[in-house]
Amino acid sequence: QVQLVESGGGLVQPGGSLRLSCAASGIIFSQYVMGWYRQAPGKQRELVASITIGMTTNYAASVKGRFTISRDNPKNTVYLQMTSLKPEDTAIYYCNAYRTQFGVPYDYWGQGTQVTVSS
């Protein structure tokens, strides 16, 4: 059974920092592209950051320079370090694991963790 469990969300003031973690089980973690997505009320889910099996990272323009994604394969964990947080970063943040094998996609999601940026 695949599980992605996010943690680290919460309430933070503008300009503050948070680190999200996502612990994976039931998959060969090192074989998956890992990503963080977010969904704000009334908006579509959007990609925040991703990291490939080769450690190549990709960021949404809105978070580039403020957020850092990293992964620890021995710990089966992906992180999102968020700094200089803004009210518009408020959303539910979801962890995603994705790979394809022989053309078949394997796509898993966590339950989400709430991040609220407010004074």
Protein backbone atom coordinates (compact mmCIF):
# COMPACT_ATOMS: atom_id res chain seq x y z
CA GLN A 1 0.00 0.00 0.00
CA VAL A 2 1.43 3.34 -1.07
CA GLN A 3 1.40 6.16 1.46
CA LEU A 4 2.64 9.72 1.20
CA VAL A 5 2.40 11.53 4.52
CA GLU A 6 2.99 15.26 4.63
CA SER A 7 3.88 17.21 7.73
CA GLY A 8 5.19 20.62 8.72
CA GLY A 9 2.32 22.86 7.71
CA GLY A 10 0.87 25.53 9.95
CA LEU A 11 0.29 29.21 10.52
CA VAL A 12 3.18 31.59 9.87
CA GLN A 13 3.52 35.34 9.58
CA PRO A 14 4.45 36.99 6.29
CA GLY A 15 8.19 36.82 5.78
CA GLY A 16 8.46 33.67 7.86
CA SER A 17 9.64 30.19 6.99
CA LEU A 18 8.32 26.64 7.11
CA ARG A 19 9.71 23.28 6.08
CA LEU A 20 7.34 20.67 4.75
CA SER A 21 8.21 16.98 4.77
CA CYS A 22 6.69 14.09 2.88
CA ALA A 23 7.50 10.56 3.97
CA ALA A 24 6.82 7.87 1.39
CA SER A 25 6.23 4.16 1.87
CA GLY A 26 5.16 1.33 -0.39
CA ILE A 27 7.16 2.60 -3.38
CA ILE A 28 10.78 2.44 -4.51
CA PHE A 29 11.24 6.09 -3.66
CA SER A 30 14.45 6.61 -5.62
CA GLN A 31 12.66 5.69 -8.85
CA TYR A 32 10.04 8.43 -8.60
CA VAL A 33 9.91 12.07 -9.56
CA MET A 34 8.74 13.85 -6.43
CA GLY A 35 6.75 17.04 -6.45
CA TRP A 36 4.97 19.52 -4.28
CA TYR A 37 1.69 20.99 -5.48
CA ARG A 38 -0.66 23.45 -3.83
CA GLN A 39 -4.29 24.38 -4.07
CA ALA A 40 -5.71 27.62 -2.76
CA PRO A 41 -9.45 28.09 -2.19
CA GLY A 42 -11.25 28.58 -5.47
CA LYS A 43 -8.14 27.87 -7.53
CA GLN A 44 -6.78 24.91 -9.44
CA ARG A 45 -4.02 22.75 -8.06
CA GLU A 46 -0.66 23.97 -9.31
CA LEU A 47 2.87 22.63 -9.35
CA VAL A 48 5.13 24.35 -6.84
CA ALA A 49 8.36 22.39 -7.27
CA SER A 50 9.62 19.03 -8.45
CA ILE A 51 12.80 17.02 -8.20
CA THR A 52 13.82 14.18 -10.51
CA ILE A 53 15.66 10.98 -9.72
CA GLY A 54 18.78 12.76 -10.96
CA MET A 55 18.20 15.64 -8.52
CA THR A 56 17.17 18.11 -11.22
CA THR A 57 14.80 20.66 -9.73
CA ASN A 58 12.06 22.76 -11.23
CA TYR A 59 10.10 25.61 -9.63
CA ALA A 60 7.05 27.67 -10.33
CA ALA A 61 7.99 31.23 -11.18
CA SER A 62 6.08 32.50 -8.15
CA VAL A 63 8.29 30.60 -5.69
CA LYS A 64 11.66 30.58 -7.43
CA GLY A 65 14.34 31.95 -5.14
CA ARG A 66 12.16 31.50 -2.05
CA PHE A 67 11.42 27.75 -1.95
CA THR A 68 13.84 24.84 -2.15
CA ILE A 69 12.91 21.25 -2.83
CA SER A 70 15.20 18.41 -1.80
CA ARG A 71 15.03 14.68 -1.32
CA ASP A 72 16.69 12.15 0.95
CA ASN A 73 16.44 8.78 -0.78
CA PRO A 74 17.66 6.64 2.16
CA LYS A 75 14.92 8.25 4.29
CA ASN A 76 12.27 8.05 1.53
CA THR A 77 11.50 11.69 2.21
CA VAL A 78 11.10 14.83 0.16
CA TYR A 79 11.25 18.31 1.65
CA LEU A 80 10.08 21.77 0.72
CA GLN A 81 11.89 24.58 2.48
CA MET A 82 9.79 27.73 2.20
CA THR A 83 11.19 31.14 3.07
CA SER A 84 9.98 34.74 2.68
CA LEU A 85 6.44 33.45 2.79
CA LYS A 86 3.66 35.63 1.44
CA PRO A 87 -0.10 35.59 2.08
CA GLU A 88 -0.58 34.33 -1.49
CA ASP A 89 1.36 31.18 -0.54
CA THR A 90 -1.60 30.17 1.62
CA ALA A 91 -2.90 26.85 0.35
CA ILE A 92 -3.10 23.15 0.99
CA TYR A 93 0.22 21.64 -0.07
CA TYR A 94 0.25 18.15 -1.54
CA CYS A 95 3.10 15.73 -2.07
CA ASN A 96 3.18 13.76 -5.31
CA ALA A 97 5.16 10.76 -6.50
CA TYR A 98 5.22 9.99 -10.22
CA ARG A 99 6.89 7.60 -12.58
CA THR A 100 6.12 5.68 -15.74
CA GLN A 101 7.10 2.12 -16.50
CA PHE A 102 6.49 0.57 -19.91
CA GLY A 103 4.19 3.50 -20.65
CA VAL A 104 2.08 2.93 -17.56
CA PRO A 105 1.85 5.92 -15.22
CA TYR A 106 2.14 5.50 -11.47
CA ASP A 107 0.84 8.63 -9.76
CA TYR A 108 0.37 8.93 -6.00
CA TRP A 109 -0.77 11.79 -3.76
CA GLY A 110 -0.61 12.62 -0.10
CA GLN A 111 -3.54 13.91 1.90
CA GLY A 112 -2.22 17.47 2.03
CA THR A 113 -1.04 19.85 4.72
CA GLN A 114 -2.41 23.33 5.30
CA VAL A 115 -0.09 26.33 5.07
CA THR A 116 -1.53 29.66 6.17
CA VAL A 117 0.47 32.88 5.86
CA SER A 118 -1.17 35.64 7.83
CA SER A 119 -0.40 38.31 10.37
